Every structure is written in structure tokens, then in C-alpha cells.
Amino acid sequence: MGQYKANSTNSRNFSLLSGDQSLGELIYKKWYSFDAEIVLSDGATYRLEPVGFWNSKIELKDDTQTLLAFEMGWKGIIIKTFFDNQENAFLLTLKGLLSSKFILIDTDKRELMAAETDFKWNKLNFDYTIETTQDFDNFKNKELLLLTVLHCINYYMTVITSAA
């Protein structure tokens, strides 16, 4: 099982860490924006961009292709990955109704990861503690998926709070 921390360095940037090792960053262009950039520790850069009429779907792209897409569904956020020309689907949902823990499950309803949110009143932003299963740790693009899941959680909280 993997253990990760995602710390907000300010209200727009998140650093993903495994122990003391930096795995990458999620960087928002502006506050409460759905546009973001992911920069992995090897220097690879990806874009998260809203698409569609109401920007209801967000795609993760490299220079040439869409690698992942997600959108809000009735049970949570539906994530589809297109890594290595193979499509996989996942669901990111709250563990319980009043929970601050999000879980990622696959189509076989196996829990692959859990992310616990921790609101920092002194910084007015969130940090995350993430635990993954061995199945998740075997994914080729796990760091990219972890950073995208962070974006999904931020997206979910923004949509829910703006609807309230």
C-alpha cells in the first residue's frame, strides 16, 4: 500500500509527495478555475481543460491526445482513462454522506485509493492524505492519476459549494 501527501503550497498549487520525494504538482491558473496544469517530477507537463457547453467535462491532455476525461455523475465523478490506447473507468465518490474521505473504485467495485481531506483554517485551503492499494500502485501512470484525482476532489467541492 502506498501512502502519499498532497499539500497546498498556496490556494492554487498542490505538491504530491511520497515520503520526502516530490512526485509532481497540480497548478491552477487562477483561484476557483477548472483549468490546471500537472507537472510531474520528470518534467512532463499535462493540461486539464474543461470542454462542453457548460464546461461539465474536463479532459487531461498531453501535447497530442486526451489521456483522461472526467465528469460529474449521480454517484460521484466518473473518470475514464485512455492510457496506452486502453480505456478504463473509475468512480470517485465520498465514503459516506458526511464524510471527508473520497474513495476511487474500479468497475469491479474494488476500492483502489482513499483520500482524506484536511482543511487548514490558518491557510484557508486543503491538504490531503492518500492511501492506495497494491492494485493502484501497479498502475503505470499512478502519479498522473493521483494528481488528476486531486483535481477531481477540488472540482467536486467547488461544484457542491457553489450549488449550496
Foldseek 3Di string as FASTA:
>chain_A
DFKWKWDDPAQFKIWIDRVPDTQWMWGDPDHPDLWIWIAGPVGFIWIWFQDDDVSQKIFIGGPPDTAKMWGADPAAIWIWGCPPNDIFIWGWHAPDDPAQKIFIAGPVRDTFKIKHWDQDPVRRHIMIMMDGDVVLVPDPPNSVVVSVVVSRSVVVVSVVVVVD
